Amino acid sequence: MKRWLVIFGALTLLVLGLVTWVRFGPLDERTAIVFRDSHGSIVAGEKFGVRIGDSWQEANRELRQHPGITPGFHYAGWSEVGPKTIDEGILVGETMTTYRDTSWRNGVILLKLRDGKVAGIQWNYVGPLYIDT
């Protein structure tokens, strides 16, 4: 009986310590988002190293330097040629582009672009237990 109480107490302390570390510990931003703020959006400030107002090129470079983040889809209005674009794929007008976080965090980041500048950032992180079907 006494042995069981010691094991139960140790496991309880371990779980409480883990919960406290996840809630208040020094996690990198993407890991913290999985546990604290798994989805959301901003139209001012900074997220994932990308600031609202950054050019698409700067945002693309910043996001792609993180392991596991890969480009996703470009939405309506995105074109490398034609009257809606200017040099190097920077847009005139509004569009969106996504990035997939294929790490264990399993998430999607969406950049809203206006005239080639980041106008908004949305994210949805479903975590490691989600299975794509």
Protein backbone atom coordinates (compact mmCIF):
# COMPACT_ATOMS: atom_id res chain seq x y z
CA MET A 1 0.00 0.00 0.00
CA LYS A 2 2.76 2.41 0.93
CA ARG A 3 4.64 1.63 -2.31
CA TRP A 4 1.53 2.41 -4.36
CA LEU A 5 1.18 5.82 -2.64
CA VAL A 6 4.82 6.67 -3.40
CA ILE A 7 4.37 5.74 -7.08
CA PHE A 8 1.09 7.65 -7.29
CA GLY A 9 2.65 10.71 -5.65
CA ALA A 10 5.66 10.64 -7.97
CA LEU A 11 3.45 10.34 -11.06
CA THR A 12 1.23 13.17 -9.82
CA LEU A 13 4.23 15.43 -9.32
CA LEU A 14 5.56 14.49 -12.75
CA VAL A 15 2.25 15.32 -14.45
CA LEU A 16 1.89 18.60 -12.54
CA GLY A 17 5.46 19.54 -13.42
CA LEU A 18 4.87 18.79 -17.10
CA VAL A 19 1.63 20.79 -17.17
CA THR A 20 3.33 23.72 -15.44
CA TRP A 21 6.27 23.61 -17.85
CA VAL A 22 4.00 23.51 -20.91
CA ARG A 23 1.83 26.34 -19.57
CA PHE A 24 4.54 28.66 -18.30
CA GLY A 25 7.84 27.28 -19.58
CA PRO A 26 10.22 28.75 -22.14
CA LEU A 27 8.88 27.19 -25.33
CA ASP A 28 9.57 28.40 -28.84
CA GLU A 29 6.64 30.26 -30.39
CA ARG A 30 5.33 27.46 -32.61
CA THR A 31 5.43 24.90 -29.77
CA ALA A 32 3.73 27.31 -27.38
CA ILE A 33 0.95 27.90 -29.91
CA VAL A 34 0.11 24.19 -30.04
CA PHE A 35 -0.61 24.20 -26.29
CA ARG A 36 -1.78 27.75 -25.61
CA ASP A 37 -3.25 29.44 -28.67
CA SER A 38 -3.76 26.84 -31.38
CA HIS A 39 -5.65 29.09 -33.78
CA GLY A 40 -6.06 32.79 -34.27
CA SER A 41 -5.21 35.81 -36.36
CA ILE A 42 -3.57 39.20 -36.14
CA VAL A 43 -3.73 42.36 -38.25
CA ALA A 44 -1.11 44.29 -36.25
CA GLY A 45 2.13 43.25 -34.61
CA GLU A 46 4.27 40.17 -35.23
CA LYS A 47 3.84 36.39 -35.33
CA PHE A 48 6.31 33.66 -36.33
CA GLY A 49 8.96 36.33 -36.98
CA VAL A 50 6.77 38.01 -39.63
CA ARG A 51 5.62 41.58 -39.01
CA ILE A 52 2.47 43.10 -40.44
CA GLY A 53 3.75 45.38 -43.20
CA ASP A 54 6.69 43.14 -44.18
CA SER A 55 7.05 42.45 -47.88
CA TRP A 56 5.98 39.01 -49.06
CA GLN A 57 9.62 38.22 -49.89
CA GLU A 58 10.73 38.99 -46.32
CA ALA A 59 7.86 36.99 -44.83
CA ASN A 60 8.50 34.05 -47.16
CA ARG A 61 12.20 34.01 -46.27
CA GLU A 62 11.46 34.23 -42.52
CA LEU A 63 8.86 31.44 -42.49
CA ARG A 64 10.86 29.06 -44.69
CA GLN A 65 13.93 29.24 -42.45
CA HIS A 66 12.03 27.30 -39.75
CA PRO A 67 12.42 23.51 -39.99
CA GLY A 68 9.23 21.85 -41.15
CA ILE A 69 7.58 24.90 -42.74
CA THR A 70 6.95 24.51 -46.45
CA PRO A 71 5.01 26.64 -48.94
CA GLY A 72 1.39 25.66 -49.46
CA PHE A 73 -1.13 27.18 -51.84
CA HIS A 74 -1.52 30.59 -53.46
CA TYR A 75 -5.10 31.78 -53.71
CA ALA A 76 -7.09 33.83 -56.23
CA GLY A 77 -5.18 36.73 -57.67
CA TRP A 78 -1.77 35.08 -57.40
CA SER A 79 0.04 34.94 -60.68
CA GLU A 80 3.66 35.14 -61.72
CA VAL A 81 2.65 36.88 -64.93
CA GLY A 82 -0.10 39.24 -65.97
CA PRO A 83 -1.48 42.59 -64.96
CA LYS A 84 -2.03 41.75 -61.27
CA THR A 85 1.65 41.25 -60.51
CA ILE A 86 4.84 43.20 -60.34
CA ASP A 87 8.37 41.78 -60.25
CA GLU A 88 9.18 38.46 -58.55
CA GLY A 89 5.61 37.49 -57.74
CA ILE A 90 4.91 40.49 -55.53
CA LEU A 91 1.25 41.28 -55.97
CA VAL A 92 -0.76 44.32 -56.76
CA GLY A 93 -4.11 43.86 -55.06
CA GLU A 94 -5.15 41.33 -52.42
CA THR A 95 -4.47 37.61 -52.12
CA MET A 96 -3.48 34.92 -49.63
CA THR A 97 -0.74 32.33 -49.45
CA THR A 98 -0.33 29.42 -47.04
CA TYR A 99 2.54 27.58 -45.38
CA ARG A 100 2.30 24.09 -43.92
CA ASP A 101 4.15 23.21 -40.74
CA THR A 102 4.89 19.53 -41.30
CA SER A 103 6.76 19.14 -38.01
CA TRP A 104 5.13 17.29 -35.10
CA ARG A 105 3.21 20.52 -34.40
CA ASN A 106 1.09 19.98 -37.54
CA GLY A 107 -0.23 23.40 -38.51
CA VAL A 108 -1.05 25.86 -41.24
CA ILE A 109 -0.07 29.53 -41.47
CA LEU A 110 -1.91 31.85 -43.85
CA LEU A 111 -0.58 35.24 -44.93
CA LYS A 112 -3.05 37.81 -46.19
CA LEU A 113 -1.27 40.05 -48.67
CA ARG A 114 -2.20 43.49 -49.92
CA ASP A 115 -0.04 45.03 -52.65
CA GLY A 116 2.79 42.62 -51.85
CA LYS A 117 2.82 43.42 -48.11
CA VAL A 118 1.62 41.28 -45.23
CA ALA A 119 -1.76 42.65 -44.09
CA GLY A 120 -2.74 39.79 -41.77
CA ILE A 121 -1.57 36.45 -40.39
CA GLN A 122 -3.81 33.51 -39.48
CA TRP A 123 -2.79 30.16 -38.04
CA ASN A 124 -4.33 26.85 -37.09
CA TYR A 125 -2.26 24.24 -35.26
CA VAL A 126 -4.06 20.95 -34.67
CA GLY A 127 -1.18 19.25 -32.86
CA PRO A 128 0.52 15.90 -33.18
CA LEU A 129 -2.53 13.68 -32.65
CA TYR A 130 -4.50 14.92 -35.67
CA ILE A 131 -4.58 12.56 -38.65
CA ASP A 132 -5.21 13.92 -42.16
CA THR A 133 -7.82 11.81 -43.93
